[in-house]
Amino acid sequence: SEKKTAVYSLESGGTEAREVEAGRRKKQTLTDEQIIQLEKLGRRIEAHFGFPQDIEWCLADGEFFFVQSRPVTTLFPLPKQSDDK
């Protein structure tokens, strides 16, 4: 998706929204390897709790940190599935 705005932390505290340069707006943010790692970690968190989770995370210095996990409530009741997936 196109990212028009990015939020950066300030050394003095707080955050600042900045416009993303046109050439970077559609560039993939995470590497393929990071996406796979994040997916595996998310599945471990869901397995721990036993049901789907709304997981908040951040990436700092190349390492994922999970700051919050709570049950997904917006999908209940779950929609009917039209296949076996």
Protein backbone atom coordinates (compact mmCIF):
# COMPACT_ATOMS: atom_id res chain seq x y z
CA SER A 1 0.00 0.00 0.00
CA GLU A 2 1.08 3.56 -0.46
CA LYS A 3 2.48 5.22 2.65
CA LYS A 4 2.19 9.00 2.52
CA THR A 5 3.08 9.76 6.15
CA ALA A 6 5.60 8.26 8.59
CA VAL A 7 5.78 8.85 12.35
CA TYR A 8 9.22 9.34 13.91
CA SER A 9 10.21 9.52 17.56
CA LEU A 10 11.88 12.68 18.80
CA GLU A 11 14.94 12.69 21.06
CA SER A 12 13.19 15.20 23.31
CA GLY A 13 10.18 12.88 23.61
CA GLY A 14 7.01 12.49 21.65
CA THR A 15 6.62 11.91 17.94
CA GLU A 16 6.52 13.83 14.70
CA ALA A 17 4.65 12.99 11.47
CA ARG A 18 6.64 13.53 8.29
CA GLU A 19 5.73 13.18 4.63
CA VAL A 20 7.28 10.14 2.94
CA GLU A 21 9.27 10.93 -0.20
CA ALA A 22 7.40 9.94 -3.38
CA GLY A 23 10.00 7.31 -4.35
CA ARG A 24 9.59 5.44 -1.04
CA ARG A 25 5.78 5.50 -0.72
CA LYS A 26 5.20 2.10 -2.34
CA LYS A 27 8.44 0.46 -1.20
CA GLN A 28 8.07 -2.65 0.98
CA THR A 29 8.81 -1.67 4.58
CA LEU A 30 9.86 -5.06 5.99
CA THR A 31 12.12 -7.57 4.27
CA ASP A 32 10.64 -10.91 3.22
CA GLU A 33 12.67 -12.54 6.02
CA GLN A 34 11.27 -10.11 8.62
CA ILE A 35 7.72 -10.79 7.42
CA ILE A 36 8.22 -14.55 7.81
CA GLN A 37 9.81 -14.08 11.25
CA LEU A 38 6.95 -11.84 12.38
CA GLU A 39 4.36 -14.34 11.12
CA LYS A 40 6.03 -17.19 13.05
CA LEU A 41 6.22 -15.12 16.24
CA GLY A 42 2.58 -14.09 15.87
CA ARG A 43 1.52 -17.72 15.53
CA ARG A 44 3.48 -18.61 18.70
CA ILE A 45 1.68 -15.85 20.61
CA GLU A 46 -1.73 -17.05 19.35
CA ALA A 47 -0.83 -20.66 20.24
CA HIS A 48 0.11 -19.54 23.76
CA PHE A 49 -3.27 -17.89 24.33
CA GLY A 50 -5.25 -20.44 22.32
CA PHE A 51 -7.19 -18.01 20.13
CA PRO A 52 -6.64 -15.16 17.63
CA GLN A 53 -4.82 -12.13 19.02
CA ASP A 54 -4.62 -8.45 18.17
CA ILE A 55 -0.86 -8.02 18.57
CA GLU A 56 0.97 -4.70 18.77
CA TRP A 57 4.65 -4.76 18.00
CA CYS A 58 7.56 -2.57 17.04
CA LEU A 59 10.90 -3.09 15.32
CA ALA A 60 13.98 -1.46 16.82
CA ASP A 61 17.57 -2.06 15.78
CA GLY A 62 16.47 -5.07 13.72
CA GLU A 63 14.69 -6.80 16.62
CA PHE A 64 10.95 -7.28 17.09
CA PHE A 65 9.39 -6.28 20.40
CA PHE A 66 5.83 -7.17 21.34
CA VAL A 67 4.19 -4.48 23.42
CA GLN A 68 0.64 -5.79 23.73
CA SER A 69 -1.53 -8.78 22.88
CA ARG A 70 -5.26 -9.07 23.43
CA PRO A 71 -8.04 -11.27 22.04
CA VAL A 72 -9.45 -10.27 18.67
CA THR A 73 -13.03 -9.19 19.32
CA THR A 74 -14.00 -7.50 16.06
CA LEU A 75 -14.42 -10.79 14.15
CA PHE A 76 -16.82 -12.48 16.57
CA PRO A 77 -18.91 -14.20 15.65
CA LEU A 78 -16.51 -15.45 13.00
CA PRO A 79 -17.83 -15.13 9.45
CA LYS A 80 -18.92 -18.32 7.70
CA GLN A 81 -16.22 -19.87 5.56
CA SER A 82 -17.00 -20.98 2.03
CA ASP A 83 -14.10 -23.45 1.84
CA ASP A 84 -12.03 -25.68 4.10
CA LYS A 85 -9.19 -23.16 4.59
